[in-house]
Amino acid sequence: MTLLNNIDGEPGLLAQRSPARKKREAGTRKLPVATISEFEGVRYLHLGQTPWVQGAMRLRKTRVIELEYVRRMMVWLLLHEPDRWADLHAVQLGLGAAALTRFCHTELKMCTTAVELNPQVIAACRQWFRLPPDSDPRLRVIEADAGAWVAEPEQAGTADVLNIDLYDHQAAAPVLDDDAFYAACHTLLADDGVLTVNLFGRNASFGRSARRIQAAFVPTGGQVWMLDPTDEHNTIVVALKGRGLPPAEVLAQRAGVIEARTGLKAREWLPMLKPVPVARASRARTAAASATPDAPAEVSTDPATVA
């Protein structure tokens, strides 16, 4: 493995700074340094000296999304008409190695906004991961706190697609995962918008996170679905604002279009797509509430069994 740790440039000048970022500057804890490694033809982004991967890019196939869970975050393509993709606005909270941002902007020709708190991550993506410059009017990379940015009133209803992948250098749990955050994400989306969020973490409860997403989307007529976990235990949750899934025949037709136009193996997503099992989540909450201190309830956090 080769380490490539020199990040050039003054990070603060590499992206727009929103009011949400400026409010956090005073007294903000020091953010981890972005570090780069390469192994067997793949370049990886890390935060600090931890082995946890924040993103990846295959050097000979830079236009391809390298990580399986990131490819699955593109499942929203099944939920919008292919003829409309280029007219949609995609937002990513958490830049990672810019795989989703590059793909939406470059391959799908979408208007794309990425919100990233750490200026070193932005600098690393410019230098090492082929993130296009902001000179393109279809691309904005904003240095800001994602939670504060989504709550700005002027952002309401501006996103057709929202991808969330927010983990710190320890990758223990999502850094934004409360009811207020998911409610703001719901408000950010247009009326037929789609959210995809990566849920992964050694200390995170999938069920708790999924219930919060349901609380934000289901009361207004939306639905919340999930894909099967990857081998690395990343589970992608999909939330639709104000609507449900299209009919099965429409999904199958769109999957063929996705494969032909993007190379993503969208047909594989169809049998993976399942409703988040609300009843199991309810039983888990009941068991936890009725447990005594001497005999605590055993509540599974396996996303395959708890929502």
C-alpha atoms as a PDB file:
ATOM      1  CA  MET A   1       0.000   0.000   0.000  1.00  0.00           C
ATOM      2  CA  THR A   2       1.292   3.433  -0.948  1.00  0.00           C
ATOM      3  CA  LEU A   3       0.524   6.462   1.217  1.00  0.00           C
ATOM      4  CA  LEU A   4      -0.002   9.792  -0.553  1.00  0.00           C
ATOM      5  CA  ASN A   5      -0.508  12.391   2.153  1.00  0.00           C
ATOM      6  CA  ASN A   6       0.432  15.712   0.577  1.00  0.00           C
ATOM      7  CA  ILE A   7      -2.716  17.767  -0.055  1.00  0.00           C
ATOM      8  CA  ASP A   8      -1.863  20.917  -1.983  1.00  0.00           C
ATOM      9  CA  GLY A   9      -3.604  24.259  -1.942  1.00  0.00           C
ATOM     10  CA  GLU A  10      -5.373  26.361   0.672  1.00  0.00           C
ATOM     11  CA  PRO A  11      -8.510  24.367   1.395  1.00  0.00           C
ATOM     12  CA  GLY A  12     -10.581  27.357   2.379  1.00  0.00           C
ATOM     13  CA  LEU A  13     -10.334  28.729  -1.152  1.00  0.00           C
ATOM     14  CA  LEU A  14     -11.412  25.547  -2.891  1.00  0.00           C
ATOM     15  CA  ALA A  15     -15.131  25.720  -2.198  1.00  0.00           C
ATOM     16  CA  GLN A  16     -17.910  28.119  -1.410  1.00  0.00           C
ATOM     17  CA  ARG A  17     -18.431  28.777   2.290  1.00  0.00           C
ATOM     18  CA  SER A  18     -22.036  28.934   3.369  1.00  0.00           C
ATOM     19  CA  PRO A  19     -23.382  30.744   6.449  1.00  0.00           C
ATOM     20  CA  ALA A  20     -23.792  27.291   8.006  1.00  0.00           C
ATOM     21  CA  ARG A  21     -20.019  26.838   7.874  1.00  0.00           C
ATOM     22  CA  LYS A  22     -19.177  30.316   9.146  1.00  0.00           C
ATOM     23  CA  LYS A  23     -21.397  29.853  12.198  1.00  0.00           C
ATOM     24  CA  ARG A  24     -19.441  26.742  13.169  1.00  0.00           C
ATOM     25  CA  GLU A  25     -15.921  28.137  12.742  1.00  0.00           C
ATOM     26  CA  ALA A  26     -15.599  29.699  16.185  1.00  0.00           C
ATOM     27  CA  GLY A  27     -14.810  26.988  18.700  1.00  0.00           C
ATOM     28  CA  THR A  28     -15.160  24.090  16.263  1.00  0.00           C
ATOM     29  CA  ARG A  29     -13.103  21.018  17.137  1.00  0.00           C
ATOM     30  CA  LYS A  30     -10.147  20.289  14.937  1.00  0.00           C
ATOM     31  CA  LEU A  31     -11.136  18.205  11.944  1.00  0.00           C
ATOM     32  CA  PRO A  32      -9.094  15.110  11.024  1.00  0.00           C
ATOM     33  CA  VAL A  33      -6.511  15.313   8.282  1.00  0.00           C
ATOM     34  CA  ALA A  34      -7.413  13.763   4.933  1.00  0.00           C
ATOM     35  CA  THR A  35      -4.959  11.030   3.963  1.00  0.00           C
ATOM     36  CA  ILE A  36      -4.630   9.041   0.750  1.00  0.00           C
ATOM     37  CA  SER A  37      -3.477   5.490   0.101  1.00  0.00           C
ATOM     38  CA  GLU A  38      -3.205   3.286  -2.980  1.00  0.00           C
ATOM     39  CA  PHE A  39      -3.453  -0.485  -3.191  1.00  0.00           C
ATOM     40  CA  GLU A  40      -3.734  -2.724  -6.253  1.00  0.00           C
ATOM     41  CA  GLY A  41      -4.748   0.088  -8.553  1.00  0.00           C
ATOM     42  CA  VAL A  42      -7.320   1.684  -6.247  1.00  0.00           C
ATOM     43  CA  ARG A  43      -6.868   5.046  -4.524  1.00  0.00           C
ATOM     44  CA  TYR A  44      -8.507   5.410  -1.110  1.00  0.00           C
ATOM     45  CA  LEU A  45      -9.471   8.380   1.040  1.00  0.00           C
ATOM     46  CA  HIS A  46      -9.098   8.167   4.817  1.00  0.00           C
ATOM     47  CA  LEU A  47      -9.552  10.611   7.685  1.00  0.00           C
ATOM     48  CA  GLY A  48      -6.571  10.751  10.031  1.00  0.00           C
ATOM     49  CA  GLN A  49      -4.473   7.606  10.353  1.00  0.00           C
ATOM     50  CA  THR A  50      -7.411   5.206  10.659  1.00  0.00           C
ATOM     51  CA  PRO A  51      -7.890   2.290   8.239  1.00  0.00           C
ATOM     52  CA  TRP A  52     -11.556   3.177   7.664  1.00  0.00           C
ATOM     53  CA  VAL A  53     -12.188   3.994   4.013  1.00  0.00           C
ATOM     54  CA  GLN A  54     -14.144   7.193   3.284  1.00  0.00           C
ATOM     55  CA  GLY A  55     -14.122   6.662  -0.487  1.00  0.00           C
ATOM     56  CA  ALA A  56     -12.249   5.046  -3.370  1.00  0.00           C
ATOM     57  CA  MET A  57     -11.471   5.422  -7.076  1.00  0.00           C
ATOM     58  CA  ARG A  58      -9.959   2.854  -9.441  1.00  0.00           C
ATOM     59  CA  LEU A  59      -7.162   4.626 -11.267  1.00  0.00           C
ATOM     60  CA  ARG A  60      -7.787   2.994 -14.653  1.00  0.00           C
ATOM     61  CA  LYS A  61     -11.579   3.361 -14.451  1.00  0.00           C
ATOM     62  CA  THR A  62     -12.079   6.758 -12.867  1.00  0.00           C
ATOM     63  CA  ARG A  63     -15.588   7.160 -14.300  1.00  0.00           C
ATOM     64  CA  VAL A  64     -16.815   3.984 -12.585  1.00  0.00           C
ATOM     65  CA  ILE A  65     -18.144   3.960  -9.007  1.00  0.00           C
ATOM     66  CA  GLU A  66     -15.730   1.633  -7.229  1.00  0.00           C
ATOM     67  CA  LEU A  67     -17.447   0.720  -3.938  1.00  0.00           C
ATOM     68  CA  GLU A  68     -20.518  -1.509  -3.969  1.00  0.00           C
ATOM     69  CA  TYR A  69     -22.469   0.402  -1.337  1.00  0.00           C
ATOM     70  CA  VAL A  70     -21.916   3.663  -3.216  1.00  0.00           C
ATOM     71  CA  ARG A  71     -23.239   2.063  -6.405  1.00  0.00           C
ATOM     72  CA  ARG A  72     -26.337   1.002  -4.478  1.00  0.00           C
ATOM     73  CA  MET A  73     -26.889   4.598  -3.359  1.00  0.00           C
ATOM     74  CA  MET A  74     -27.723   5.250  -7.027  1.00  0.00           C
ATOM     75  CA  VAL A  75     -30.889   3.128  -6.608  1.00  0.00           C
ATOM     76  CA  TRP A  76     -32.824   6.401  -6.821  1.00  0.00           C
ATOM     77  CA  LEU A  77     -32.426   6.090 -10.616  1.00  0.00           C
ATOM     78  CA  LEU A  78     -35.211   3.501 -10.504  1.00  0.00           C
ATOM     79  CA  LEU A  79     -37.527   6.081  -8.962  1.00  0.00           C
ATOM     80  CA  HIS A  80     -37.235   8.931 -11.469  1.00  0.00           C
ATOM     81  CA  GLU A  81     -38.040   8.887 -15.170  1.00  0.00           C
ATOM     82  CA  PRO A  82     -34.791   8.361 -17.155  1.00  0.00           C
ATOM     83  CA  ASP A  83     -35.746  11.167 -19.537  1.00  0.00           C
ATOM     84  CA  ARG A  84     -35.720  13.574 -16.568  1.00  0.00           C
ATOM     85  CA  TRP A  85     -32.349  12.691 -15.031  1.00  0.00           C
ATOM     86  CA  ALA A  86     -30.479  15.614 -16.583  1.00  0.00           C
ATOM     87  CA  ASP A  87     -33.163  18.039 -15.361  1.00  0.00           C
ATOM     88  CA  LEU A  88     -32.898  16.953 -11.728  1.00  0.00           C
ATOM     89  CA  HIS A  89     -30.868  18.486  -8.903  1.00  0.00           C
ATOM     90  CA  ALA A  90     -28.771  16.005  -6.892  1.00  0.00           C
ATOM     91  CA  VAL A  91     -27.377  16.861  -3.456  1.00  0.00           C
ATOM     92  CA  GLN A  92     -24.737  14.899  -1.582  1.00  0.00           C
ATOM     93  CA  LEU A  93     -24.215  15.415   2.145  1.00  0.00           C
ATOM     94  CA  GLY A  94     -20.677  14.227   2.764  1.00  0.00           C
ATOM     95  CA  LEU A  95     -18.295  14.333  -0.176  1.00  0.00           C
ATOM     96  CA  GLY A  96     -16.267  11.192   0.497  1.00  0.00           C
ATOM     97  CA  ALA A  97     -14.020  10.601  -2.509  1.00  0.00           C
ATOM     98  CA  ALA A  98     -16.547  12.475  -4.697  1.00  0.00           C
ATOM     99  CA  ALA A  99     -17.745   9.313  -6.477  1.00  0.00           C
ATOM    100  CA  LEU A 100     -21.445  10.239  -6.385  1.00  0.00           C
ATOM    101  CA  THR A 101     -20.744  13.884  -7.127  1.00  0.00           C
ATOM    102  CA  ARG A 102     -18.585  13.035 -10.146  1.00  0.00           C
ATOM    103  CA  PHE A 103     -21.073  10.483 -11.438  1.00  0.00           C
ATOM    104  CA  CYS A 104     -24.142  12.707 -11.144  1.00  0.00           C
ATOM    105  CA  HIS A 105     -22.384  15.729 -12.606  1.00  0.00           C
ATOM    106  CA  THR A 106     -20.211  14.128 -15.289  1.00  0.00           C
ATOM    107  CA  GLU A 107     -22.047  10.973 -16.354  1.00  0.00           C
ATOM    108  CA  LEU A 108     -25.674  12.020 -15.812  1.00  0.00           C
ATOM    109  CA  LYS A 109     -25.167  15.741 -16.620  1.00  0.00           C
ATOM    110  CA  MET A 110     -27.144  16.743 -13.544  1.00  0.00           C
ATOM    111  CA  CYS A 111     -27.037  19.947 -11.580  1.00  0.00           C
ATOM    112  CA  THR A 112     -25.107  18.735  -8.517  1.00  0.00           C
ATOM    113  CA  THR A 113     -24.391  20.164  -5.066  1.00  0.00           C
ATOM    114  CA  ALA A 114     -22.046  18.578  -2.518  1.00  0.00           C
ATOM    115  CA  VAL A 115     -21.874  19.746   1.100  1.00  0.00           C
ATOM    116  CA  GLU A 116     -18.715  18.876   3.039  1.00  0.00           C
ATOM    117  CA  LEU A 117     -17.537  20.208   6.397  1.00  0.00           C
ATOM    118  CA  ASN A 118     -13.854  19.268   6.154  1.00  0.00           C
ATOM    119  CA  PRO A 119     -11.899  21.553   3.766  1.00  0.00           C
ATOM    120  CA  GLN A 120      -9.107  18.983   3.531  1.00  0.00           C
ATOM    121  CA  VAL A 121     -11.532  16.455   2.078  1.00  0.00           C
ATOM    122  CA  ILE A 122     -12.528  18.980  -0.575  1.00  0.00           C
ATOM    123  CA  ALA A 123      -8.863  19.675  -1.347  1.00  0.00           C
ATOM    124  CA  ALA A 124      -8.079  15.947  -1.540  1.00  0.00           C
ATOM    125  CA  CYS A 125     -10.951  15.364  -3.957  1.00  0.00           C
ATOM    126  CA  ARG A 126      -9.738  18.199  -6.190  1.00  0.00           C
ATOM    127  CA  GLN A 127      -6.163  16.928  -6.200  1.00  0.00           C
ATOM    128  CA  TRP A 128      -6.510  13.140  -6.076  1.00  0.00           C
ATOM    129  CA  PHE A 129     -10.065  12.141  -7.057  1.00  0.00           C
ATOM    130  CA  ARG A 130     -10.828  14.208 -10.146  1.00  0.00           C
ATOM    131  CA  LEU A 131     -13.517  16.377  -8.628  1.00  0.00           C
ATOM    132  CA  PRO A 132     -14.337  18.947 -11.350  1.00  0.00           C
ATOM    133  CA  PRO A 133     -13.775  22.642 -10.631  1.00  0.00           C
ATOM    134  CA  ASP A 134     -16.606  24.900  -9.510  1.00  0.00           C
ATOM    135  CA  SER A 135     -16.275  26.877 -12.732  1.00  0.00           C
ATOM    136  CA  ASP A 136     -18.995  24.632 -14.169  1.00  0.00           C
ATOM    137  CA  PRO A 137     -22.349  26.258 -13.307  1.00  0.00           C
ATOM    138  CA  ARG A 138     -23.908  22.794 -12.859  1.00  0.00           C
ATOM    139  CA  LEU A 139     -21.619  22.008  -9.900  1.00  0.00           C
ATOM    140  CA  ARG A 140     -21.404  23.534  -6.423  1.00  0.00           C
ATOM    141  CA  VAL A 141     -19.121  22.223  -3.666  1.00  0.00           C
ATOM    142  CA  ILE A 142     -20.018  23.948  -0.419  1.00  0.00           C
ATOM    143  CA  GLU A 143     -17.886  23.926   2.711  1.00  0.00           C
ATOM    144  CA  ALA A 144     -20.539  23.752   5.429  1.00  0.00           C
ATOM    145  CA  ASP A 145     -22.023  21.763   8.254  1.00  0.00           C
ATOM    146  CA  ALA A 146     -24.575  19.523   6.541  1.00  0.00           C
ATOM    147  CA  GLY A 147     -27.061  19.663   9.412  1.00  0.00           C
ATOM    148  CA  ALA A 148     -27.114  23.447   9.446  1.00  0.00           C
ATOM    149  CA  TRP A 149     -27.167  23.685   5.645  1.00  0.00           C
ATOM    150  CA  VAL A 150     -30.222  21.457   5.142  1.00  0.00           C
ATOM    151  CA  ALA A 151     -32.084  23.494   7.754  1.00  0.00           C
ATOM    152  CA  GLU A 152     -31.581  26.796   5.920  1.00  0.00           C
ATOM    153  CA  PRO A 153     -35.052  27.994   4.819  1.00  0.00           C
ATOM    154  CA  GLU A 154     -33.839  28.863   1.321  1.00  0.00           C
ATOM    155  CA  GLN A 155     -32.908  25.214   0.656  1.00  0.00           C
ATOM    156  CA  ALA A 156     -36.464  23.910   1.097  1.00  0.00           C
ATOM    157  CA  GLY A 157     -37.780  21.984  -1.895  1.00  0.00           C
ATOM    158  CA  THR A 158     -34.599  22.427  -3.944  1.00  0.00           C
ATOM    159  CA  ALA A 159     -33.343  18.812  -4.204  1.00  0.00           C
ATOM    160  CA  ASP A 160     -34.817  16.040  -6.329  1.00  0.00           C
ATOM    161  CA  VAL A 161     -32.234  13.529  -5.091  1.00  0.00           C
ATOM    162  CA  LEU A 162     -30.484  13.548  -1.709  1.00  0.00           C
ATOM    163  CA  ASN A 163     -27.589  11.165  -0.966  1.00  0.00           C
ATOM    164  CA  ILE A 164     -26.346  11.014   2.645  1.00  0.00           C
ATOM    165  CA  ASP A 165     -23.095   9.362   3.702  1.00  0.00           C
ATOM    166  CA  LEU A 166     -21.891  11.097   6.857  1.00  0.00           C
ATOM    167  CA  TYR A 167     -19.283   9.320   8.979  1.00  0.00           C
ATOM    168  CA  ASP A 168     -16.339  10.584  10.986  1.00  0.00           C
ATOM    169  CA  HIS A 169     -12.818   9.133  11.035  1.00  0.00           C
ATOM    170  CA  GLN A 170     -13.867   6.370  13.477  1.00  0.00           C
ATOM    171  CA  ALA A 171     -16.828   5.259  11.278  1.00  0.00           C
ATOM    172  CA  ALA A 172     -18.719   4.356  14.443  1.00  0.00           C
ATOM    173  CA  ALA A 173     -22.117   5.884  13.595  1.00  0.00           C
ATOM    174  CA  PRO A 174     -23.631   8.597  11.382  1.00  0.00           C
ATOM    175  CA  VAL A 175     -22.591  12.018  12.633  1.00  0.00           C
ATOM    176  CA  LEU A 176     -26.079  13.388  11.875  1.00  0.00           C
ATOM    177  CA  ASP A 177     -28.863  10.984  12.796  1.00  0.00           C
ATOM    178  CA  ASP A 178     -31.610  12.662  14.813  1.00  0.00           C
ATOM    179  CA  ASP A 179     -35.265  13.435  14.161  1.00  0.00           C
ATOM    180  CA  ALA A 180     -34.624  17.104  13.405  1.00  0.00           C
ATOM    181  CA  PHE A 181     -32.014  16.245  10.772  1.00  0.00           C
ATOM    182  CA  TYR A 182     -34.241  13.808   8.869  1.00  0.00           C
ATOM    183  CA  ALA A 183     -37.157  16.236   9.079  1.00  0.00           C
ATOM    184  CA  ALA A 184     -34.946  18.905   7.496  1.00  0.00           C
ATOM    185  CA  CYS A 185     -33.920  16.423   4.782  1.00  0.00           C
ATOM    186  CA  HIS A 186     -37.600  15.800   4.041  1.00  0.00           C
ATOM    187  CA  THR A 187     -38.155  19.556   3.742  1.00  0.00           C
ATOM    188  CA  LEU A 188     -35.116  19.921   1.468  1.00  0.00           C
ATOM    189  CA  LEU A 189     -36.572  17.457  -1.060  1.00  0.00           C
ATOM    190  CA  ALA A 190     -38.976  18.422  -3.826  1.00  0.00           C
ATOM    191  CA  ASP A 191     -42.452  16.890  -3.653  1.00  0.00           C
ATOM    192  CA  ASP A 192     -41.453  13.709  -5.518  1.00  0.00           C
ATOM    193  CA  GLY A 193     -37.880  13.655  -4.217  1.00  0.00           C
ATOM    194  CA  VAL A 194     -35.889  10.590  -3.172  1.00  0.00           C
ATOM    195  CA  LEU A 195     -33.441  10.140  -0.290  1.00  0.00           C
ATOM    196  CA  THR A 196     -30.777   7.436  -0.148  1.00  0.00           C
ATOM    197  CA  VAL A 197     -28.715   7.103   3.014  1.00  0.00           C
ATOM    198  CA  ASN A 198     -25.869   4.773   3.945  1.00  0.00           C
ATOM    199  CA  LEU A 199     -26.332   3.248   7.389  1.00  0.00           C
ATOM    200  CA  PHE A 200     -23.225   1.576   8.717  1.00  0.00           C
ATOM    201  CA  GLY A 201     -21.456   1.685  12.039  1.00  0.00           C
ATOM    202  CA  ARG A 202     -20.123  -0.491  14.783  1.00  0.00           C
ATOM    203  CA  ASN A 203     -22.092   1.446  17.425  1.00  0.00           C
ATOM    204  CA  ALA A 204     -25.097   2.488  15.364  1.00  0.00           C
ATOM    205  CA  SER A 205     -28.565   1.048  15.661  1.00  0.00           C
ATOM    206  CA  PHE A 206     -30.030   0.476  12.246  1.00  0.00           C
ATOM    207  CA  GLY A 207     -33.503   0.231  13.710  1.00  0.00           C
ATOM    208  CA  ARG A 208     -33.285   3.573  15.498  1.00  0.00           C
ATOM    209  CA  SER A 209     -32.048   5.357  12.388  1.00  0.00           C
ATOM    210  CA  ALA A 210     -34.648   3.744  10.137  1.00  0.00           C
ATOM    211  CA  ARG A 211     -37.478   4.664  12.508  1.00  0.00           C
ATOM    212  CA  ARG A 212     -36.367   8.297  12.465  1.00  0.00           C
ATOM    213  CA  ILE A 213     -36.401   8.305   8.672  1.00  0.00           C
ATOM    214  CA  GLN A 214     -39.862   6.729   8.706  1.00  0.00           C
ATOM    215  CA  ALA A 215     -41.081   9.390  11.147  1.00  0.00           C
ATOM    216  CA  ALA A 216     -39.978  12.104   8.723  1.00  0.00           C
ATOM    217  CA  PHE A 217     -41.422  10.572   5.523  1.00  0.00           C
ATOM    218  CA  VAL A 218     -44.343   8.232   6.237  1.00  0.00           C
ATOM    219  CA  PRO A 219     -46.823  10.710   7.831  1.00  0.00           C
ATOM    220  CA  THR A 220     -46.960  12.753   4.595  1.00  0.00           C
ATOM    221  CA  GLY A 221     -47.617   9.767   2.336  1.00  0.00           C
ATOM    222  CA  GLY A 222     -44.044   8.681   1.687  1.00  0.00           C
ATOM    223  CA  GLN A 223     -42.523   5.235   1.910  1.00  0.00           C
ATOM    224  CA  VAL A 224     -39.235   3.919   3.293  1.00  0.00           C
ATOM    225  CA  TRP A 225     -37.470   0.936   1.739  1.00  0.00           C
ATOM    226  CA  MET A 226     -34.086  -0.726   2.129  1.00  0.00           C
ATOM    227  CA  LEU A 227     -31.633  -2.765   0.096  1.00  0.00           C
ATOM    228  CA  ASP A 228     -30.037  -5.914   1.439  1.00  0.00           C
ATOM    229  CA  PRO A 229     -26.804  -5.212   3.358  1.00  0.00           C
ATOM    230  CA  THR A 230     -23.543  -5.473   1.446  1.00  0.00           C
ATOM    231  CA  ASP A 231     -20.858  -7.942   2.489  1.00  0.00           C
ATOM    232  CA  GLU A 232     -19.303  -5.048   4.431  1.00  0.00           C
ATOM    233  CA  HIS A 233     -22.625  -4.450   6.273  1.00  0.00           C
ATOM    234  CA  ASN A 234     -23.563  -1.192   4.581  1.00  0.00           C
ATOM    235  CA  THR A 235     -27.342  -0.927   4.276  1.00  0.00           C
ATOM    236  CA  ILE A 236     -28.876   1.642   1.941  1.00  0.00           C
ATOM    237  CA  VAL A 237     -32.202   3.056   3.061  1.00  0.00           C
ATOM    238  CA  VAL A 238     -34.413   4.668   0.400  1.00  0.00           C
ATOM    239  CA  ALA A 239     -37.121   7.183   1.332  1.00  0.00           C
ATOM    240  CA  LEU A 240     -39.650   8.567  -1.140  1.00  0.00           C
ATOM    241  CA  LYS A 241     -41.362  11.866  -0.404  1.00  0.00           C
ATOM    242  CA  GLY A 242     -45.126  11.792  -0.772  1.00  0.00           C
ATOM    243  CA  ARG A 243     -45.299   8.655  -2.907  1.00  0.00           C
ATOM    244  CA  GLY A 244     -44.541   4.962  -3.123  1.00  0.00           C
ATOM    245  CA  LEU A 245     -42.631   2.741  -5.514  1.00  0.00           C
ATOM    246  CA  PRO A 246     -43.613   2.590  -9.185  1.00  0.00           C
ATOM    247  CA  PRO A 247     -45.175  -0.698 -10.414  1.00  0.00           C
ATOM    248  CA  ALA A 248     -42.854  -3.681 -10.790  1.00  0.00           C
ATOM    249  CA  GLU A 249     -42.970  -3.559 -14.583  1.00  0.00           C
ATOM    250  CA  VAL A 250     -41.888   0.099 -14.544  1.00  0.00           C
ATOM    251  CA  LEU A 251     -38.991  -0.684 -12.212  1.00  0.00           C
ATOM    252  CA  ALA A 252     -37.879  -3.545 -14.472  1.00  0.00           C
ATOM    253  CA  GLN A 253     -38.022  -1.337 -17.568  1.00  0.00           C
ATOM    254  CA  ARG A 254     -36.042   1.420 -15.867  1.00  0.00           C
ATOM    255  CA  ALA A 255     -33.456  -1.074 -14.622  1.00  0.00           C
ATOM    256  CA  GLY A 256     -32.732  -2.019 -18.219  1.00  0.00           C
ATOM    257  CA  VAL A 257     -32.339   1.624 -19.173  1.00  0.00           C
ATOM    258  CA  ILE A 258     -30.001   2.241 -16.232  1.00  0.00           C
ATOM    259  CA  GLU A 259     -27.775  -0.674 -17.202  1.00  0.00           C
ATOM    260  CA  ALA A 260     -27.633   0.415 -20.829  1.00  0.00           C
ATOM    261  CA  ARG A 261     -26.899   4.064 -20.075  1.00  0.00           C
ATOM    262  CA  THR A 262     -24.704   3.875 -16.967  1.00  0.00           C
ATOM    263  CA  GLY A 263     -23.277   0.367 -16.628  1.00  0.00           C
ATOM    264  CA  LEU A 264     -24.728   0.074 -13.119  1.00  0.00           C
ATOM    265  CA  LYS A 265     -26.189  -3.381 -12.453  1.00  0.00           C
ATOM    266  CA  ALA A 266     -29.633  -2.090 -11.654  1.00  0.00           C
ATOM    267  CA  ARG A 267     -31.434  -5.398 -12.256  1.00  0.00           C
ATOM    268  CA  GLU A 268     -29.603  -6.758  -9.219  1.00  0.00           C
ATOM    269  CA  TRP A 269     -31.222  -4.081  -7.056  1.00  0.00           C
ATOM    270  CA  LEU A 270     -34.788  -5.209  -7.776  1.00  0.00           C
ATOM    271  CA  PRO A 271     -34.874  -8.360  -5.589  1.00  0.00           C
ATOM    272  CA  MET A 272     -32.853  -6.562  -2.898  1.00  0.00           C
ATOM    273  CA  LEU A 273     -35.422  -3.783  -2.477  1.00  0.00           C
ATOM    274  CA  LYS A 274     -37.621  -4.463   0.545  1.00  0.00           C
ATOM    275  CA  PRO A 275     -39.869  -2.408   2.817  1.00  0.00           C
ATOM    276  CA  VAL A 276     -38.356  -1.539   6.173  1.00  0.00           C
ATOM    277  CA  PRO A 277     -40.150  -3.936   8.572  1.00  0.00           C
ATOM    278  CA  VAL A 278     -42.005  -1.552  10.883  1.00  0.00           C
ATOM    279  CA  ALA A 279     -43.658  -4.331  12.920  1.00  0.00           C
ATOM    280  CA  ARG A 280     -40.335  -5.761  13.977  1.00  0.00           C
ATOM    281  CA  ALA A 281     -39.177  -2.328  15.073  1.00  0.00           C
ATOM    282  CA  SER A 282     -42.347  -1.978  17.160  1.00  0.00           C
ATOM    283  CA  ARG A 283     -41.793  -5.346  18.827  1.00  0.00           C
ATOM    284  CA  ALA A 284     -38.199  -4.389  19.603  1.00  0.00           C
ATOM    285  CA  ARG A 285     -39.322  -1.141  21.249  1.00  0.00           C
ATOM    286  CA  THR A 286     -41.942  -3.009  23.296  1.00  0.00           C
ATOM    287  CA  ALA A 287     -39.424  -5.593  24.459  1.00  0.00           C
ATOM    288  CA  ALA A 288     -36.937  -2.926  25.435  1.00  0.00           C
ATOM    289  CA  ALA A 289     -39.561  -0.948  27.364  1.00  0.00           C
ATOM    290  CA  SER A 290     -40.761  -3.992  29.327  1.00  0.00           C
ATOM    291  CA  ALA A 291     -37.332  -5.342  30.224  1.00  0.00           C
ATOM    292  CA  THR A 292     -36.302  -5.279  33.885  1.00  0.00           C
ATOM    293  CA  PRO A 293     -32.825  -4.106  35.009  1.00  0.00           C
ATOM    294  CA  ASP A 294     -31.943  -7.672  35.988  1.00  0.00           C
ATOM    295  CA  ALA A 295     -33.062  -9.145  32.647  1.00  0.00           C
ATOM    296  CA  PRO A 296     -32.462  -6.653  29.845  1.00  0.00           C
ATOM    297  CA  ALA A 297     -34.149  -7.336  26.530  1.00  0.00           C
ATOM    298  CA  GLU A 298     -31.989  -8.616  23.708  1.00  0.00           C
ATOM    299  CA  VAL A 299     -32.737  -6.272  20.817  1.00  0.00           C
ATOM    300  CA  SER A 300     -30.976  -7.140  17.576  1.00  0.00           C
ATOM    301  CA  THR A 301     -29.286  -4.346  15.614  1.00  0.00           C
ATOM    302  CA  ASP A 302     -28.918  -6.521  12.537  1.00  0.00           C
ATOM    303  CA  PRO A 303     -30.570  -4.571   9.682  1.00  0.00           C
ATOM    304  CA  ALA A 304     -31.848  -7.832   8.264  1.00  0.00           C
ATOM    305  CA  THR A 305     -34.032  -8.354  11.328  1.00  0.00           C
ATOM    306  CA  VAL A 306     -34.792  -4.950  12.839  1.00  0.00           C
ATOM    307  CA  ALA A 307     -36.025  -1.739  11.228  1.00  0.00           C
END
